[in-house]
Amino acid sequence: MDVLTSVTIPQAATARPSKTFKRLQAELRGLVGKAIDDYGMIQDGDRIMVCLSGGKDSYTMLDLLLSLQRSAPVRFELIAVNLDQKQPGFPAEVLPNYLTALGVPFDIVTQDTYSIVKRVIPEGKTMCSLCSRLRRGALYTHASRLGVTKIALGHHRDDIIETLMLNLFHSGRLKAMPPKLLSDDGRHIVIRPLAYVPERMIIRYARARKFPIIPCTLCGSQANLQRVVVGRLLEEWERDHPGRIESLFSAITQVSASQLADPKLFDFRGLEEKRARADHENRGLPLADTELEPRDMAWGFAPAAAVVAKDDWSEEADASELEGPVDPVDLE
């Protein structure tokens, strides 16, 4: 869990950075820059809403985007936005003081989602799904008011892999979190500039920068979340087999649809037609339509509902994705 510290100006801004820190920062800039380039996250003239929670990930994301902004080949604006969910003991002055000292434009959105979550979710049950839906709705609404072109979230590589494993284990779906997505209503583009960054690098960077971390007292106390369990599993795998997380991430960037089993993703029924065309092309013969094997024959080897896909992972999928419709929960 993140530990709250006093508000300070980032160390690199007030002291000569060490060679080790410079190497770390350069590596992080390289990973973030590559992700931005690979997925076309930022275009000239973009106005980006950087969602700042007060945790190490969002601080690091803002810091690196500010650094890249100074040398980027395109012009873009950044505005930091924090959602004050009225959690008890939340230090409301920390982020305004920090952002003012940096000279970063910011907005603080106040919405008492904490009380709603505590009222609706029974004691001992997971709060993440409802909390994230309320947070998502508030941030999307504010993004529309600001007229921003992108919403930047601080999810890193390990978050993406954890979500992949949660969906595999609990939902039977090969699905993670994309580095860039369009909201269901088509109004917002969400980007994840830290998509290539391992969490361990963020921990080192945040420690070196001495960010004023704000702990989440709502969900941070739920130690038995399945995401925490999966995180521990991945840590064990990485410890016993270094490079496994990197290999998992590499797998979702190099998908071979023909080697999986989703008929919506790959046209398995059309392979006979492809074979016939290839055979005629190899022999230099024209292909008549009557020579193609029919593709619309329903053989009925198994009932249509023999394989039923489960819903997407729910306990925390919404806590790590700004996707899908927002539940019509009363925010008053």
C-alpha atoms as a PDB file:
ATOM      1  CA  MET A   1       0.000   0.000   0.000  1.00  0.00           C
ATOM      2  CA  ASP A   2       1.165   3.498  -0.748  1.00  0.00           C
ATOM      3  CA  VAL A   3       2.333   5.454   2.291  1.00  0.00           C
ATOM      4  CA  LEU A   4       1.345   9.090   2.775  1.00  0.00           C
ATOM      5  CA  THR A   5       4.275  11.461   3.010  1.00  0.00           C
ATOM      6  CA  SER A   6       4.504  15.213   3.403  1.00  0.00           C
ATOM      7  CA  VAL A   7       4.098  17.409   0.356  1.00  0.00           C
ATOM      8  CA  THR A   8       7.413  18.025  -1.341  1.00  0.00           C
ATOM      9  CA  ILE A   9       8.660  19.279  -4.654  1.00  0.00           C
ATOM     10  CA  PRO A  10       9.986  16.307  -6.664  1.00  0.00           C
ATOM     11  CA  GLN A  11      13.617  15.699  -5.745  1.00  0.00           C
ATOM     12  CA  ALA A  12      14.902  15.938  -9.319  1.00  0.00           C
ATOM     13  CA  ALA A  13      13.575  19.485  -9.475  1.00  0.00           C
ATOM     14  CA  THR A  14      15.520  20.622  -6.429  1.00  0.00           C
ATOM     15  CA  ALA A  15      18.679  18.500  -6.411  1.00  0.00           C
ATOM     16  CA  ARG A  16      21.164  17.199  -8.943  1.00  0.00           C
ATOM     17  CA  PRO A  17      19.857  13.796 -10.068  1.00  0.00           C
ATOM     18  CA  SER A  18      22.156  10.800  -9.746  1.00  0.00           C
ATOM     19  CA  LYS A  19      23.383   8.809 -12.743  1.00  0.00           C
ATOM     20  CA  THR A  20      21.230   5.897 -11.630  1.00  0.00           C
ATOM     21  CA  PHE A  21      18.128   8.092 -11.590  1.00  0.00           C
ATOM     22  CA  LYS A  22      18.971   9.539 -15.007  1.00  0.00           C
ATOM     23  CA  ARG A  23      19.238   6.035 -16.453  1.00  0.00           C
ATOM     24  CA  LEU A  24      15.936   5.029 -14.874  1.00  0.00           C
ATOM     25  CA  GLN A  25      14.199   8.154 -16.140  1.00  0.00           C
ATOM     26  CA  ALA A  26      15.623   7.683 -19.631  1.00  0.00           C
ATOM     27  CA  GLU A  27      14.435   4.067 -19.712  1.00  0.00           C
ATOM     28  CA  LEU A  28      10.963   5.077 -18.543  1.00  0.00           C
ATOM     29  CA  ARG A  29      10.780   7.876 -21.099  1.00  0.00           C
ATOM     30  CA  GLY A  30      11.768   5.368 -23.762  1.00  0.00           C
ATOM     31  CA  LEU A  31       9.073   2.865 -22.777  1.00  0.00           C
ATOM     32  CA  VAL A  32       6.358   5.519 -22.530  1.00  0.00           C
ATOM     33  CA  GLY A  33       7.449   7.142 -25.794  1.00  0.00           C
ATOM     34  CA  LYS A  34       7.379   3.783 -27.571  1.00  0.00           C
ATOM     35  CA  ALA A  35       3.898   2.976 -26.283  1.00  0.00           C
ATOM     36  CA  ILE A  36       2.643   6.400 -27.372  1.00  0.00           C
ATOM     37  CA  ASP A  37       4.150   5.889 -30.819  1.00  0.00           C
ATOM     38  CA  ASP A  38       3.099   2.239 -31.254  1.00  0.00           C
ATOM     39  CA  TYR A  39      -0.552   2.953 -30.514  1.00  0.00           C
ATOM     40  CA  GLY A  40      -0.823   6.525 -31.780  1.00  0.00           C
ATOM     41  CA  MET A  41      -1.864   7.722 -28.345  1.00  0.00           C
ATOM     42  CA  ILE A  42      -1.089  11.417 -28.804  1.00  0.00           C
ATOM     43  CA  GLN A  43      -1.624  13.593 -31.859  1.00  0.00           C
ATOM     44  CA  ASP A  44      -0.763  17.212 -32.534  1.00  0.00           C
ATOM     45  CA  GLY A  45      -3.153  19.556 -30.747  1.00  0.00           C
ATOM     46  CA  ASP A  46      -4.432  16.975 -28.249  1.00  0.00           C
ATOM     47  CA  ARG A  47      -5.757  18.195 -24.925  1.00  0.00           C
ATOM     48  CA  ILE A  48      -5.188  15.386 -22.450  1.00  0.00           C
ATOM     49  CA  MET A  49      -6.920  14.924 -19.127  1.00  0.00           C
ATOM     50  CA  VAL A  50      -4.429  13.168 -16.846  1.00  0.00           C
ATOM     51  CA  CYS A  51      -6.318  11.302 -14.133  1.00  0.00           C
ATOM     52  CA  LEU A  52      -4.335  11.776 -10.921  1.00  0.00           C
ATOM     53  CA  SER A  53      -5.326   9.646  -7.947  1.00  0.00           C
ATOM     54  CA  GLY A  54      -2.410  10.458  -5.702  1.00  0.00           C
ATOM     55  CA  GLY A  55      -0.874   7.005  -6.133  1.00  0.00           C
ATOM     56  CA  LYS A  56       2.598   6.207  -7.452  1.00  0.00           C
ATOM     57  CA  ASP A  57       1.349   5.194 -10.920  1.00  0.00           C
ATOM     58  CA  SER A  58      -0.551   8.357 -11.779  1.00  0.00           C
ATOM     59  CA  TYR A  59       2.208  10.575 -10.332  1.00  0.00           C
ATOM     60  CA  THR A  60       4.761   8.785 -12.515  1.00  0.00           C
ATOM     61  CA  MET A  61       2.537   9.053 -15.581  1.00  0.00           C
ATOM     62  CA  LEU A  62       2.075  12.813 -15.128  1.00  0.00           C
ATOM     63  CA  ASP A  63       5.785  13.318 -14.488  1.00  0.00           C
ATOM     64  CA  LEU A  64       6.820  11.452 -17.635  1.00  0.00           C
ATOM     65  CA  LEU A  65       4.187  13.128 -19.819  1.00  0.00           C
ATOM     66  CA  LEU A  66       5.427  16.519 -18.644  1.00  0.00           C
ATOM     67  CA  SER A  67       8.977  15.474 -19.496  1.00  0.00           C
ATOM     68  CA  LEU A  68       7.982  14.214 -22.944  1.00  0.00           C
ATOM     69  CA  GLN A  69       5.869  17.304 -23.577  1.00  0.00           C
ATOM     70  CA  ARG A  70       8.997  19.464 -23.537  1.00  0.00           C
ATOM     71  CA  SER A  71      10.683  17.489 -26.336  1.00  0.00           C
ATOM     72  CA  ALA A  72       7.826  15.884 -28.247  1.00  0.00           C
ATOM     73  CA  PRO A  73       7.583  16.426 -32.023  1.00  0.00           C
ATOM     74  CA  VAL A  74       3.905  17.366 -31.580  1.00  0.00           C
ATOM     75  CA  ARG A  75       2.192  19.956 -29.428  1.00  0.00           C
ATOM     76  CA  PHE A  76      -0.242  18.787 -26.737  1.00  0.00           C
ATOM     77  CA  GLU A  77      -1.744  20.143 -23.524  1.00  0.00           C
ATOM     78  CA  LEU A  78      -2.024  18.429 -20.156  1.00  0.00           C
ATOM     79  CA  ILE A  79      -4.579  19.082 -17.438  1.00  0.00           C
ATOM     80  CA  ALA A  80      -4.479  17.033 -14.241  1.00  0.00           C
ATOM     81  CA  VAL A  81      -7.811  15.972 -12.755  1.00  0.00           C
ATOM     82  CA  ASN A  82      -8.382  14.378  -9.376  1.00  0.00           C
ATOM     83  CA  LEU A  83     -11.671  12.950  -8.175  1.00  0.00           C
ATOM     84  CA  ASP A  84     -12.179  13.645  -4.476  1.00  0.00           C
ATOM     85  CA  GLN A  85     -14.526  10.823  -3.476  1.00  0.00           C
ATOM     86  CA  LYS A  86     -14.890  12.172   0.086  1.00  0.00           C
ATOM     87  CA  GLN A  87     -13.124   9.256   1.708  1.00  0.00           C
ATOM     88  CA  PRO A  88     -12.616   9.833   5.433  1.00  0.00           C
ATOM     89  CA  GLY A  89      -9.252  11.362   6.167  1.00  0.00           C
ATOM     90  CA  PHE A  90      -8.531  12.227   2.541  1.00  0.00           C
ATOM     91  CA  PRO A  91      -5.887  15.010   2.594  1.00  0.00           C
ATOM     92  CA  ALA A  92      -7.605  17.381   0.167  1.00  0.00           C
ATOM     93  CA  GLU A  93      -4.737  19.881   0.168  1.00  0.00           C
ATOM     94  CA  VAL A  94      -1.992  17.490  -1.001  1.00  0.00           C
ATOM     95  CA  LEU A  95      -2.649  17.391  -4.743  1.00  0.00           C
ATOM     96  CA  PRO A  96      -3.544  21.091  -5.168  1.00  0.00           C
ATOM     97  CA  ASN A  97      -0.342  22.079  -3.361  1.00  0.00           C
ATOM     98  CA  TYR A  98       1.750  19.660  -5.388  1.00  0.00           C
ATOM     99  CA  LEU A  99       0.278  20.640  -8.771  1.00  0.00           C
ATOM    100  CA  THR A 100       0.442  24.353  -7.990  1.00  0.00           C
ATOM    101  CA  ALA A 101       4.129  23.997  -7.131  1.00  0.00           C
ATOM    102  CA  LEU A 102       4.705  22.240 -10.459  1.00  0.00           C
ATOM    103  CA  GLY A 103       2.722  24.844 -12.380  1.00  0.00           C
ATOM    104  CA  VAL A 104       0.416  22.198 -13.873  1.00  0.00           C
ATOM    105  CA  PRO A 105      -3.190  23.182 -14.698  1.00  0.00           C
ATOM    106  CA  PHE A 106      -5.597  21.059 -12.648  1.00  0.00           C
ATOM    107  CA  ASP A 107      -9.177  20.498 -11.573  1.00  0.00           C
ATOM    108  CA  ILE A 108     -10.433  18.805  -8.421  1.00  0.00           C
ATOM    109  CA  VAL A 109     -13.792  17.109  -8.988  1.00  0.00           C
ATOM    110  CA  THR A 110     -15.708  16.507  -5.759  1.00  0.00           C
ATOM    111  CA  GLN A 111     -18.280  13.736  -5.621  1.00  0.00           C
ATOM    112  CA  ASP A 112     -19.224  11.703  -2.558  1.00  0.00           C
ATOM    113  CA  THR A 113     -19.029   8.257  -4.121  1.00  0.00           C
ATOM    114  CA  TYR A 114     -17.614   6.863  -0.871  1.00  0.00           C
ATOM    115  CA  SER A 115     -20.933   7.172   0.951  1.00  0.00           C
ATOM    116  CA  ILE A 116     -22.795   5.590  -1.965  1.00  0.00           C
ATOM    117  CA  VAL A 117     -20.452   2.610  -2.096  1.00  0.00           C
ATOM    118  CA  LYS A 118     -20.585   2.093   1.671  1.00  0.00           C
ATOM    119  CA  ARG A 119     -24.386   2.327   1.611  1.00  0.00           C
ATOM    120  CA  VAL A 120     -24.936  -0.008  -1.342  1.00  0.00           C
ATOM    121  CA  ILE A 121     -22.230  -2.657  -0.877  1.00  0.00           C
ATOM    122  CA  PRO A 122     -22.671  -5.029   2.105  1.00  0.00           C
ATOM    123  CA  GLU A 123     -19.867  -5.162   4.641  1.00  0.00           C
ATOM    124  CA  GLY A 124     -17.136  -7.561   3.556  1.00  0.00           C
ATOM    125  CA  LYS A 125     -18.099  -7.511  -0.121  1.00  0.00           C
ATOM    126  CA  THR A 126     -15.873  -6.151  -2.886  1.00  0.00           C
ATOM    127  CA  MET A 127     -16.371  -2.442  -3.498  1.00  0.00           C
ATOM    128  CA  CYS A 128     -14.253  -2.036  -6.630  1.00  0.00           C
ATOM    129  CA  SER A 129     -16.865  -2.602  -9.330  1.00  0.00           C
ATOM    130  CA  LEU A 130     -19.373  -0.017  -8.076  1.00  0.00           C
ATOM    131  CA  CYS A 131     -16.648   2.420  -7.020  1.00  0.00           C
ATOM    132  CA  SER A 132     -15.018   2.303 -10.432  1.00  0.00           C
ATOM    133  CA  ARG A 133     -18.330   2.763 -12.252  1.00  0.00           C
ATOM    134  CA  LEU A 134     -19.111   5.844 -10.220  1.00  0.00           C
ATOM    135  CA  ARG A 135     -15.588   7.146 -10.733  1.00  0.00           C
ATOM    136  CA  ARG A 136     -15.768   6.414 -14.430  1.00  0.00           C
ATOM    137  CA  GLY A 137     -19.039   8.288 -14.799  1.00  0.00           C
ATOM    138  CA  ALA A 138     -17.682  11.317 -12.942  1.00  0.00           C
ATOM    139  CA  LEU A 139     -14.466  11.424 -14.984  1.00  0.00           C
ATOM    140  CA  TYR A 140     -16.228  10.952 -18.318  1.00  0.00           C
ATOM    141  CA  THR A 141     -18.659  13.723 -17.444  1.00  0.00           C
ATOM    142  CA  HIS A 142     -15.835  16.072 -16.481  1.00  0.00           C
ATOM    143  CA  ALA A 143     -13.889  15.177 -19.625  1.00  0.00           C
ATOM    144  CA  SER A 144     -16.894  16.281 -21.682  1.00  0.00           C
ATOM    145  CA  ARG A 145     -17.099  19.547 -19.784  1.00  0.00           C
ATOM    146  CA  LEU A 146     -13.414  20.244 -20.370  1.00  0.00           C
ATOM    147  CA  GLY A 147     -13.595  19.333 -24.039  1.00  0.00           C
ATOM    148  CA  VAL A 148     -10.477  17.165 -23.825  1.00  0.00           C
ATOM    149  CA  THR A 149      -9.523  14.846 -26.656  1.00  0.00           C
ATOM    150  CA  LYS A 150      -7.904  12.098 -24.553  1.00  0.00           C
ATOM    151  CA  ILE A 151      -8.174  10.666 -21.048  1.00  0.00           C
ATOM    152  CA  ALA A 152      -4.886   9.296 -19.681  1.00  0.00           C
ATOM    153  CA  LEU A 153      -4.920   6.545 -17.055  1.00  0.00           C
ATOM    154  CA  GLY A 154      -1.977   5.254 -15.048  1.00  0.00           C
ATOM    155  CA  HIS A 155      -2.332   1.495 -15.565  1.00  0.00           C
ATOM    156  CA  HIS A 156       1.024  -0.192 -16.145  1.00  0.00           C
ATOM    157  CA  ARG A 157       2.155  -3.447 -17.759  1.00  0.00           C
ATOM    158  CA  ASP A 158       1.568  -5.544 -14.645  1.00  0.00           C
ATOM    159  CA  ASP A 159      -2.002  -4.208 -14.279  1.00  0.00           C
ATOM    160  CA  ILE A 160      -2.694  -5.323 -17.834  1.00  0.00           C
ATOM    161  CA  ILE A 161      -1.345  -8.824 -17.200  1.00  0.00           C
ATOM    162  CA  GLU A 162      -3.266  -9.135 -13.929  1.00  0.00           C
ATOM    163  CA  THR A 163      -6.474  -8.276 -15.787  1.00  0.00           C
ATOM    164  CA  LEU A 164      -5.622 -10.849 -18.460  1.00  0.00           C
ATOM    165  CA  MET A 165      -5.195 -13.555 -15.818  1.00  0.00           C
ATOM    166  CA  LEU A 166      -8.377 -12.546 -13.966  1.00  0.00           C
ATOM    167  CA  ASN A 167     -10.391 -12.846 -17.177  1.00  0.00           C
ATOM    168  CA  LEU A 168      -8.772 -16.190 -17.998  1.00  0.00           C
ATOM    169  CA  PHE A 169      -9.332 -17.677 -14.541  1.00  0.00           C
ATOM    170  CA  HIS A 170     -12.741 -16.223 -13.700  1.00  0.00           C
ATOM    171  CA  SER A 171     -14.488 -15.348 -16.976  1.00  0.00           C
ATOM    172  CA  GLY A 172     -13.143 -17.740 -19.574  1.00  0.00           C
ATOM    173  CA  ARG A 173     -12.182 -14.841 -21.847  1.00  0.00           C
ATOM    174  CA  LEU A 174      -8.910 -13.953 -23.506  1.00  0.00           C
ATOM    175  CA  LYS A 175      -9.135 -10.264 -22.671  1.00  0.00           C
ATOM    176  CA  ALA A 176      -6.941  -7.711 -20.916  1.00  0.00           C
ATOM    177  CA  MET A 177      -6.796  -3.882 -20.957  1.00  0.00           C
ATOM    178  CA  PRO A 178      -5.902  -2.180 -24.245  1.00  0.00           C
ATOM    179  CA  PRO A 179      -3.293   0.596 -24.316  1.00  0.00           C
ATOM    180  CA  LYS A 180      -5.837   2.711 -26.179  1.00  0.00           C
ATOM    181  CA  LEU A 181      -9.610   2.406 -26.430  1.00  0.00           C
ATOM    182  CA  LEU A 182     -12.735   4.202 -27.552  1.00  0.00           C
ATOM    183  CA  SER A 183     -15.532   4.379 -24.989  1.00  0.00           C
ATOM    184  CA  ASP A 184     -18.725   2.518 -25.826  1.00  0.00           C
ATOM    185  CA  ASP A 185     -20.592   5.739 -26.571  1.00  0.00           C
ATOM    186  CA  GLY A 186     -17.810   6.799 -28.948  1.00  0.00           C
ATOM    187  CA  ARG A 187     -17.192  10.086 -27.142  1.00  0.00           C
ATOM    188  CA  HIS A 188     -13.937   9.459 -25.313  1.00  0.00           C
ATOM    189  CA  ILE A 189     -10.535   7.995 -26.157  1.00  0.00           C
ATOM    190  CA  VAL A 190      -8.702   6.509 -23.193  1.00  0.00           C
ATOM    191  CA  ILE A 191      -4.929   6.031 -23.312  1.00  0.00           C
ATOM    192  CA  ARG A 192      -2.540   4.161 -21.014  1.00  0.00           C
ATOM    193  CA  PRO A 193       0.943   5.612 -21.552  1.00  0.00           C
ATOM    194  CA  LEU A 194       2.480   3.266 -18.938  1.00  0.00           C
ATOM    195  CA  ALA A 195       1.348   0.141 -20.825  1.00  0.00           C
ATOM    196  CA  TYR A 196       4.938  -1.011 -21.425  1.00  0.00           C
ATOM    197  CA  VAL A 197       6.248  -0.080 -17.963  1.00  0.00           C
ATOM    198  CA  PRO A 198       6.834  -2.763 -15.264  1.00  0.00           C
ATOM    199  CA  GLU A 199       5.563  -1.818 -11.818  1.00  0.00           C
ATOM    200  CA  ARG A 200       8.984  -2.336 -10.236  1.00  0.00           C
ATOM    201  CA  MET A 201      10.356   0.588 -12.270  1.00  0.00           C
ATOM    202  CA  ILE A 202       7.497   2.814 -11.143  1.00  0.00           C
ATOM    203  CA  ILE A 203       8.185   1.938  -7.502  1.00  0.00           C
ATOM    204  CA  ARG A 204      11.840   2.923  -7.889  1.00  0.00           C
ATOM    205  CA  TYR A 205      10.951   6.120  -9.743  1.00  0.00           C
ATOM    206  CA  ALA A 206       8.290   7.198  -7.243  1.00  0.00           C
ATOM    207  CA  ARG A 207      10.677   6.582  -4.369  1.00  0.00           C
ATOM    208  CA  ALA A 208      13.399   8.648  -6.027  1.00  0.00           C
ATOM    209  CA  ARG A 209      10.994  11.485  -6.826  1.00  0.00           C
ATOM    210  CA  LYS A 210       9.490  11.415  -3.313  1.00  0.00           C
ATOM    211  CA  PHE A 211       5.941  11.869  -4.547  1.00  0.00           C
ATOM    212  CA  PRO A 212       3.393  12.782  -1.817  1.00  0.00           C
ATOM    213  CA  ILE A 213       1.527   9.472  -2.012  1.00  0.00           C
ATOM    214  CA  ILE A 214      -2.117   9.373  -0.893  1.00  0.00           C
ATOM    215  CA  PRO A 215      -3.340   5.905   0.165  1.00  0.00           C
ATOM    216  CA  CYS A 216      -6.784   4.667  -0.872  1.00  0.00           C
ATOM    217  CA  THR A 217      -8.594   3.873   2.379  1.00  0.00           C
ATOM    218  CA  LEU A 218     -11.639   2.553   0.508  1.00  0.00           C
ATOM    219  CA  CYS A 219     -10.244  -0.301  -1.571  1.00  0.00           C
ATOM    220  CA  GLY A 220      -6.706  -0.431  -0.210  1.00  0.00           C
ATOM    221  CA  SER A 221      -7.933  -2.228   2.901  1.00  0.00           C
ATOM    222  CA  GLN A 222      -9.388  -5.156   0.935  1.00  0.00           C
ATOM    223  CA  ALA A 223      -6.425  -7.496   1.116  1.00  0.00           C
ATOM    224  CA  ASN A 224      -8.273 -10.582  -0.169  1.00  0.00           C
ATOM    225  CA  LEU A 225      -9.241  -9.183  -3.569  1.00  0.00           C
ATOM    226  CA  GLN A 226      -8.677 -11.638  -6.398  1.00  0.00           C
ATOM    227  CA  ARG A 227      -6.465  -9.054  -8.086  1.00  0.00           C
ATOM    228  CA  VAL A 228      -4.186  -9.155  -5.043  1.00  0.00           C
ATOM    229  CA  VAL A 229      -4.151 -12.966  -5.209  1.00  0.00           C
ATOM    230  CA  VAL A 230      -3.259 -12.924  -8.894  1.00  0.00           C
ATOM    231  CA  GLY A 231      -0.605 -10.279  -8.237  1.00  0.00           C
ATOM    232  CA  ARG A 232       1.049 -12.553  -5.684  1.00  0.00           C
ATOM    233  CA  LEU A 233       0.898 -15.456  -8.122  1.00  0.00           C
ATOM    234  CA  LEU A 234       2.617 -13.398 -10.802  1.00  0.00           C
ATOM    235  CA  GLU A 235       5.258 -12.273  -8.307  1.00  0.00           C
ATOM    236  CA  GLU A 236       6.002 -15.915  -7.479  1.00  0.00           C
ATOM    237  CA  TRP A 237       6.196 -16.845 -11.158  1.00  0.00           C
ATOM    238  CA  GLU A 238       8.517 -13.932 -11.857  1.00  0.00           C
ATOM    239  CA  ARG A 239      10.721 -14.818  -8.901  1.00  0.00           C
ATOM    240  CA  ASP A 240      10.983 -18.479  -9.894  1.00  0.00           C
ATOM    241  CA  HIS A 241      11.064 -17.859 -13.642  1.00  0.00           C
ATOM    242  CA  PRO A 242      12.373 -14.340 -14.435  1.00  0.00           C
ATOM    243  CA  GLY A 243      10.879 -12.892 -17.601  1.00  0.00           C
ATOM    244  CA  ARG A 244       7.529 -14.675 -17.387  1.00  0.00           C
ATOM    245  CA  ILE A 245       5.485 -11.462 -17.049  1.00  0.00           C
ATOM    246  CA  GLU A 246       7.312  -9.966 -20.026  1.00  0.00           C
ATOM    247  CA  SER A 247       6.538 -13.128 -21.977  1.00  0.00           C
ATOM    248  CA  LEU A 248       2.851 -12.907 -21.074  1.00  0.00           C
ATOM    249  CA  PHE A 249       2.700  -9.298 -22.182  1.00  0.00           C
ATOM    250  CA  SER A 250       4.508 -10.127 -25.408  1.00  0.00           C
ATOM    251  CA  ALA A 251       1.878 -12.795 -26.094  1.00  0.00           C
ATOM    252  CA  ILE A 252      -1.013 -10.311 -26.101  1.00  0.00           C
ATOM    253  CA  THR A 253       0.870  -8.080 -28.556  1.00  0.00           C
ATOM    254  CA  GLN A 254       1.425 -10.952 -31.006  1.00  0.00           C
ATOM    255  CA  VAL A 255      -1.928 -12.676 -31.370  1.00  0.00           C
ATOM    256  CA  SER A 256      -2.299 -15.455 -33.957  1.00  0.00           C
ATOM    257  CA  ALA A 257      -6.054 -15.650 -34.489  1.00  0.00           C
ATOM    258  CA  SER A 258      -5.776 -18.774 -36.647  1.00  0.00           C
ATOM    259  CA  GLN A 259      -4.089 -20.613 -33.755  1.00  0.00           C
ATOM    260  CA  LEU A 260      -6.882 -19.908 -31.271  1.00  0.00           C
ATOM    261  CA  ALA A 261     -10.486 -21.125 -31.375  1.00  0.00           C
ATOM    262  CA  ASP A 262     -12.739 -18.083 -31.755  1.00  0.00           C
ATOM    263  CA  PRO A 263     -14.836 -18.404 -34.942  1.00  0.00           C
ATOM    264  CA  LYS A 264     -15.770 -14.724 -34.649  1.00  0.00           C
ATOM    265  CA  LEU A 265     -12.100 -13.777 -34.827  1.00  0.00           C
ATOM    266  CA  PHE A 266     -11.007 -16.156 -37.579  1.00  0.00           C
ATOM    267  CA  ASP A 267     -12.945 -17.654 -40.514  1.00  0.00           C
ATOM    268  CA  PHE A 268     -12.462 -21.374 -39.888  1.00  0.00           C
ATOM    269  CA  ARG A 269     -15.466 -22.242 -42.071  1.00  0.00           C
ATOM    270  CA  GLY A 270     -13.813 -20.559 -45.019  1.00  0.00           C
ATOM    271  CA  LEU A 271     -10.666 -22.715 -45.048  1.00  0.00           C
ATOM    272  CA  GLU A 272     -12.069 -25.081 -47.702  1.00  0.00           C
ATOM    273  CA  GLU A 273     -12.664 -22.130 -50.004  1.00  0.00           C
ATOM    274  CA  LYS A 274      -9.122 -20.882 -49.392  1.00  0.00           C
ATOM    275  CA  ARG A 275      -7.745 -24.346 -50.122  1.00  0.00           C
ATOM    276  CA  ALA A 276      -9.691 -24.564 -53.372  1.00  0.00           C
ATOM    277  CA  ARG A 277      -8.512 -21.136 -54.488  1.00  0.00           C
ATOM    278  CA  ALA A 278      -4.900 -21.919 -53.593  1.00  0.00           C
ATOM    279  CA  ASP A 279      -5.063 -25.238 -55.466  1.00  0.00           C
ATOM    280  CA  HIS A 280      -6.382 -23.622 -58.642  1.00  0.00           C
ATOM    281  CA  GLU A 281      -3.888 -20.758 -58.407  1.00  0.00           C
ATOM    282  CA  ASN A 282      -1.019 -23.221 -58.036  1.00  0.00           C
ATOM    283  CA  ARG A 283      -2.156 -25.053 -61.166  1.00  0.00           C
ATOM    284  CA  GLY A 284      -2.852 -21.852 -63.044  1.00  0.00           C
ATOM    285  CA  LEU A 285      -6.516 -22.718 -63.567  1.00  0.00           C
ATOM    286  CA  PRO A 286      -9.556 -20.430 -63.269  1.00  0.00           C
ATOM    287  CA  LEU A 287     -11.817 -21.095 -60.316  1.00  0.00           C
ATOM    288  CA  ALA A 288     -15.537 -21.470 -60.960  1.00  0.00           C
ATOM    289  CA  ASP A 289     -17.973 -20.563 -58.207  1.00  0.00           C
ATOM    290  CA  THR A 290     -19.542 -24.012 -58.457  1.00  0.00           C
ATOM    291  CA  GLU A 291     -16.256 -25.577 -57.400  1.00  0.00           C
ATOM    292  CA  LEU A 292     -16.286 -23.887 -54.011  1.00  0.00           C
ATOM    293  CA  GLU A 293     -17.581 -26.007 -51.198  1.00  0.00           C
ATOM    294  CA  PRO A 294     -20.716 -24.606 -49.539  1.00  0.00           C
ATOM    295  CA  ARG A 295     -20.077 -22.664 -46.352  1.00  0.00           C
ATOM    296  CA  ASP A 296     -23.637 -22.199 -45.113  1.00  0.00           C
ATOM    297  CA  MET A 297     -24.366 -25.835 -44.280  1.00  0.00           C
ATOM    298  CA  ALA A 298     -25.337 -26.251 -40.629  1.00  0.00           C
ATOM    299  CA  TRP A 299     -24.200 -29.736 -39.692  1.00  0.00           C
ATOM    300  CA  GLY A 300     -25.504 -29.495 -36.144  1.00  0.00           C
ATOM    301  CA  PHE A 301     -22.785 -31.585 -34.521  1.00  0.00           C
ATOM    302  CA  ALA A 302     -23.413 -29.795 -31.213  1.00  0.00           C
ATOM    303  CA  PRO A 303     -26.177 -27.619 -29.747  1.00  0.00           C
ATOM    304  CA  ALA A 304     -25.801 -23.928 -30.519  1.00  0.00           C
ATOM    305  CA  ALA A 305     -25.401 -23.139 -26.828  1.00  0.00           C
ATOM    306  CA  ALA A 306     -22.836 -25.853 -26.140  1.00  0.00           C
ATOM    307  CA  VAL A 307     -20.214 -23.245 -25.361  1.00  0.00           C
ATOM    308  CA  VAL A 308     -21.403 -20.298 -23.311  1.00  0.00           C
ATOM    309  CA  ALA A 309     -18.996 -17.442 -22.648  1.00  0.00           C
ATOM    310  CA  LYS A 310     -19.109 -16.018 -19.159  1.00  0.00           C
ATOM    311  CA  ASP A 311     -19.396 -12.351 -18.455  1.00  0.00           C
ATOM    312  CA  ASP A 312     -16.161 -10.406 -18.250  1.00  0.00           C
ATOM    313  CA  TRP A 313     -14.356 -10.554 -14.921  1.00  0.00           C
ATOM    314  CA  SER A 314     -16.358  -8.346 -12.608  1.00  0.00           C
ATOM    315  CA  GLU A 315     -14.761  -8.069  -9.172  1.00  0.00           C
ATOM    316  CA  GLU A 316     -12.086  -5.697 -10.351  1.00  0.00           C
ATOM    317  CA  ALA A 317     -12.272  -5.493 -14.125  1.00  0.00           C
ATOM    318  CA  ASP A 318     -14.153  -2.245 -13.771  1.00  0.00           C
ATOM    319  CA  ALA A 319     -11.608  -1.009 -11.247  1.00  0.00           C
ATOM    320  CA  SER A 320      -8.956  -1.142 -13.910  1.00  0.00           C
ATOM    321  CA  GLU A 321     -10.894  -0.193 -17.036  1.00  0.00           C
ATOM    322  CA  LEU A 322     -12.904   2.836 -18.048  1.00  0.00           C
ATOM    323  CA  GLU A 323     -15.107   0.851 -20.405  1.00  0.00           C
ATOM    324  CA  GLY A 324     -18.762  -0.048 -20.754  1.00  0.00           C
ATOM    325  CA  PRO A 325     -21.908   1.793 -19.746  1.00  0.00           C
ATOM    326  CA  VAL A 326     -22.127   3.668 -16.498  1.00  0.00           C
ATOM    327  CA  ASP A 327     -24.697   2.367 -14.027  1.00  0.00           C
ATOM    328  CA  PRO A 328     -27.492   4.888 -13.407  1.00  0.00           C
ATOM    329  CA  VAL A 329     -26.665   5.244  -9.688  1.00  0.00           C
ATOM    330  CA  ASP A 330     -28.010   8.268  -7.828  1.00  0.00           C
ATOM    331  CA  LEU A 331     -25.091  10.514  -7.025  1.00  0.00           C
ATOM    332  CA  GLU A 332     -26.972  12.911  -4.841  1.00  0.00           C
END
